[in-house]
Amino acid sequence: MVVRMRHTKGHTGNRRSHHALKPKNFSACSHCGAMRLTHTVCGACGYYRGRKVIDMVKKVEKKQAKAKAKTAK
């Protein structure tokens, strides 16, 4: 099989120039000070833009109860 429409190295490089990985942007949580991804709820305290979005205590208790039930089987 013959390659009819071959791309030059420069053309291939230009196309691949947008394939580089970009670093994640972290910022400090305004409530607890933990580092978190921008535009996401803080995983440590559950606050986003000054409001409590997730009850982290309830979430941890649910996770522990689930683990305890799994080991009880």
N, C-alpha and C. Protein backbone atom coordinates (compact mmCIF):
# COMPACT_ATOMS: atom_id res chain seq x y z
N MET A 1 0.83 -1.17 0.00
CA MET A 1 0.00 0.00 0.00
C MET A 1 0.88 1.25 0.00
N VAL A 2 0.58 2.20 -0.81
CA VAL A 2 1.36 3.41 -0.94
C VAL A 2 0.66 4.55 -0.19
N VAL A 3 1.44 5.32 0.57
CA VAL A 3 0.88 6.47 1.28
C VAL A 3 0.79 7.62 0.28
N ARG A 4 -0.42 8.01 -0.06
CA ARG A 4 -0.60 9.05 -1.08
C ARG A 4 -0.49 10.46 -0.52
N MET A 5 -1.20 10.73 0.58
CA MET A 5 -1.23 12.09 1.12
C MET A 5 -0.41 12.11 2.41
N ARG A 6 0.85 12.27 2.27
CA ARG A 6 1.74 12.23 3.42
C ARG A 6 1.88 13.62 4.03
N HIS A 7 1.90 13.68 5.38
CA HIS A 7 2.10 14.95 6.07
C HIS A 7 3.58 15.13 6.41
N THR A 8 4.05 16.35 6.32
CA THR A 8 5.44 16.63 6.69
C THR A 8 5.57 16.61 8.21
N LYS A 9 6.81 16.57 8.68
CA LYS A 9 7.05 16.59 10.12
C LYS A 9 6.55 17.88 10.74
N GLY A 10 6.69 18.97 10.00
CA GLY A 10 6.21 20.26 10.50
C GLY A 10 4.70 20.30 10.64
N HIS A 11 4.00 19.74 9.67
CA HIS A 11 2.54 19.71 9.74
C HIS A 11 2.07 18.86 10.91
N THR A 12 2.73 17.72 11.12
CA THR A 12 2.40 16.83 12.22
C THR A 12 2.67 17.52 13.55
N GLY A 13 3.81 18.21 13.64
CA GLY A 13 4.16 18.93 14.87
C GLY A 13 3.18 20.05 15.18
N ASN A 14 2.74 20.77 14.14
CA ASN A 14 1.76 21.84 14.35
C ASN A 14 0.45 21.28 14.90
N ARG A 15 0.03 20.14 14.39
CA ARG A 15 -1.20 19.53 14.87
C ARG A 15 -1.05 19.07 16.31
N ARG A 16 0.10 18.52 16.65
CA ARG A 16 0.33 17.98 17.99
C ARG A 16 0.70 19.05 19.01
N SER A 17 0.86 20.29 18.59
CA SER A 17 1.27 21.34 19.52
C SER A 17 0.21 21.60 20.59
N HIS A 18 -1.03 21.20 20.35
CA HIS A 18 -2.11 21.41 21.31
C HIS A 18 -2.34 20.21 22.21
N HIS A 19 -1.51 19.17 22.09
CA HIS A 19 -1.70 17.95 22.86
C HIS A 19 -1.00 17.99 24.22
N ALA A 20 -0.31 19.05 24.55
CA ALA A 20 0.44 19.12 25.80
C ALA A 20 -0.51 19.18 26.99
N LEU A 21 -0.12 18.57 28.10
CA LEU A 21 -0.93 18.60 29.31
C LEU A 21 -0.76 19.95 29.99
N LYS A 22 -1.85 20.46 30.52
CA LYS A 22 -1.82 21.74 31.23
C LYS A 22 -1.89 21.47 32.72
N PRO A 23 -1.17 22.23 33.54
CA PRO A 23 -1.20 21.99 34.98
C PRO A 23 -2.55 22.41 35.57
N LYS A 24 -2.95 21.71 36.64
CA LYS A 24 -4.19 22.03 37.33
C LYS A 24 -4.02 23.30 38.14
N ASN A 25 -5.08 24.11 38.22
CA ASN A 25 -5.04 25.35 38.98
C ASN A 25 -5.66 25.10 40.36
N PHE A 26 -4.86 25.28 41.39
CA PHE A 26 -5.34 25.13 42.75
C PHE A 26 -5.44 26.50 43.39
N SER A 27 -6.38 26.60 44.34
CA SER A 27 -6.50 27.83 45.13
C SER A 27 -6.83 27.43 46.56
N ALA A 28 -6.61 28.34 47.48
CA ALA A 28 -6.89 28.08 48.88
C ALA A 28 -8.38 28.28 49.15
N CYS A 29 -8.96 27.39 49.92
CA CYS A 29 -10.36 27.51 50.31
C CYS A 29 -10.51 28.71 51.23
N SER A 30 -11.53 29.51 50.99
CA SER A 30 -11.72 30.72 51.80
C SER A 30 -12.22 30.38 53.20
N HIS A 31 -12.78 29.19 53.38
CA HIS A 31 -13.33 28.82 54.69
C HIS A 31 -12.30 28.11 55.57
N CYS A 32 -11.64 27.07 55.02
CA CYS A 32 -10.72 26.28 55.85
C CYS A 32 -9.26 26.45 55.46
N GLY A 33 -8.98 27.00 54.27
CA GLY A 33 -7.61 27.24 53.86
C GLY A 33 -6.95 26.06 53.14
N ALA A 34 -7.67 24.96 52.97
CA ALA A 34 -7.11 23.80 52.27
C ALA A 34 -7.02 24.09 50.78
N MET A 35 -6.07 23.45 50.11
CA MET A 35 -5.93 23.64 48.68
C MET A 35 -7.01 22.83 47.96
N ARG A 36 -7.65 23.45 46.96
CA ARG A 36 -8.71 22.79 46.22
C ARG A 36 -8.66 23.24 44.78
N LEU A 37 -9.28 22.47 43.88
CA LEU A 37 -9.38 22.87 42.49
C LEU A 37 -10.31 24.06 42.37
N THR A 38 -10.04 24.94 41.43
CA THR A 38 -10.89 26.10 41.25
C THR A 38 -12.25 25.67 40.70
N HIS A 39 -13.28 26.40 41.06
CA HIS A 39 -14.66 26.17 40.61
C HIS A 39 -15.20 24.82 41.07
N THR A 40 -14.71 24.29 42.19
CA THR A 40 -15.23 23.05 42.74
C THR A 40 -15.45 23.20 44.24
N VAL A 41 -16.27 22.33 44.80
CA VAL A 41 -16.52 22.33 46.24
C VAL A 41 -15.27 21.84 46.95
N CYS A 42 -14.97 22.44 48.10
CA CYS A 42 -13.81 22.03 48.89
C CYS A 42 -14.06 20.63 49.45
N GLY A 43 -13.13 19.74 49.26
CA GLY A 43 -13.27 18.37 49.74
C GLY A 43 -13.05 18.24 51.23
N ALA A 44 -12.46 19.24 51.86
CA ALA A 44 -12.18 19.17 53.29
C ALA A 44 -13.35 19.67 54.13
N CYS A 45 -14.00 20.77 53.70
CA CYS A 45 -15.06 21.36 54.53
C CYS A 45 -16.42 21.38 53.85
N GLY A 46 -16.49 21.24 52.54
CA GLY A 46 -17.77 21.20 51.84
C GLY A 46 -18.33 22.57 51.49
N TYR A 47 -17.51 23.60 51.56
CA TYR A 47 -17.97 24.96 51.23
C TYR A 47 -17.61 25.32 49.79
N TYR A 48 -18.45 26.14 49.17
CA TYR A 48 -18.18 26.67 47.84
C TYR A 48 -18.70 28.10 47.81
N ARG A 49 -17.84 29.03 47.50
CA ARG A 49 -18.16 30.46 47.41
C ARG A 49 -18.84 30.98 48.67
N GLY A 50 -18.32 30.54 49.83
CA GLY A 50 -18.83 31.05 51.10
C GLY A 50 -20.08 30.38 51.61
N ARG A 51 -20.63 29.41 50.88
CA ARG A 51 -21.84 28.71 51.32
C ARG A 51 -21.54 27.23 51.54
N LYS A 52 -22.20 26.64 52.54
CA LYS A 52 -22.03 25.21 52.80
C LYS A 52 -22.88 24.44 51.81
N VAL A 53 -22.23 23.63 50.98
CA VAL A 53 -22.92 22.90 49.92
C VAL A 53 -23.08 21.43 50.31
N ILE A 54 -22.05 20.86 50.92
CA ILE A 54 -22.06 19.45 51.30
C ILE A 54 -21.80 19.35 52.79
N ASP A 55 -22.61 18.52 53.48
CA ASP A 55 -22.39 18.26 54.90
C ASP A 55 -21.35 17.14 55.01
N MET A 56 -20.11 17.53 55.24
CA MET A 56 -19.00 16.57 55.23
C MET A 56 -19.07 15.60 56.41
N VAL A 57 -19.60 16.03 57.56
CA VAL A 57 -19.70 15.15 58.72
C VAL A 57 -20.66 14.01 58.39
N LYS A 58 -21.79 14.34 57.79
CA LYS A 58 -22.78 13.32 57.41
C LYS A 58 -22.20 12.37 56.37
N LYS A 59 -21.43 12.92 55.44
CA LYS A 59 -20.82 12.10 54.38
C LYS A 59 -19.83 11.10 54.97
N VAL A 60 -19.00 11.55 55.92
CA VAL A 60 -18.00 10.67 56.55
C VAL A 60 -18.69 9.60 57.37
N GLU A 61 -19.76 9.98 58.13
CA GLU A 61 -20.49 9.00 58.93
C GLU A 61 -21.12 7.93 58.05
N LYS A 62 -21.67 8.33 56.92
CA LYS A 62 -22.29 7.38 55.99
C LYS A 62 -21.23 6.41 55.44
N LYS A 63 -20.04 6.94 55.13
CA LYS A 63 -18.97 6.11 54.60
C LYS A 63 -18.51 5.09 55.64
N GLN A 64 -18.39 5.53 56.91
CA GLN A 64 -17.97 4.62 57.98
C GLN A 64 -19.02 3.55 58.23
N ALA A 65 -20.30 3.92 58.19
CA ALA A 65 -21.37 2.94 58.39
C ALA A 65 -21.37 1.91 57.28
N LYS A 66 -21.12 2.34 56.07
CA LYS A 66 -21.08 1.44 54.93
C LYS A 66 -19.91 0.45 55.06
N ALA A 67 -18.75 0.95 55.49
CA ALA A 67 -17.57 0.10 55.68
C ALA A 67 -17.82 -0.89 56.81
N LYS A 68 -18.48 -0.45 57.88
CA LYS A 68 -18.77 -1.32 59.01
C LYS A 68 -19.74 -2.42 58.60
N ALA A 69 -20.74 -2.08 57.80
CA ALA A 69 -21.70 -3.07 57.33
C ALA A 69 -21.04 -4.09 56.41
N LYS A 70 -20.08 -3.64 55.64
CA LYS A 70 -19.38 -4.53 54.72
C LYS A 70 -18.52 -5.54 55.48
N THR A 71 -17.87 -5.10 56.56
CA THR A 71 -17.02 -6.00 57.34
C THR A 71 -17.86 -6.94 58.20
N ALA A 72 -19.11 -6.55 58.52
CA ALA A 72 -19.98 -7.39 59.35
C ALA A 72 -20.52 -8.58 58.58
N LYS A 73 -20.51 -8.55 57.28
CA LYS A 73 -21.05 -9.65 56.46
C LYS A 73 -20.23 -10.89 56.58
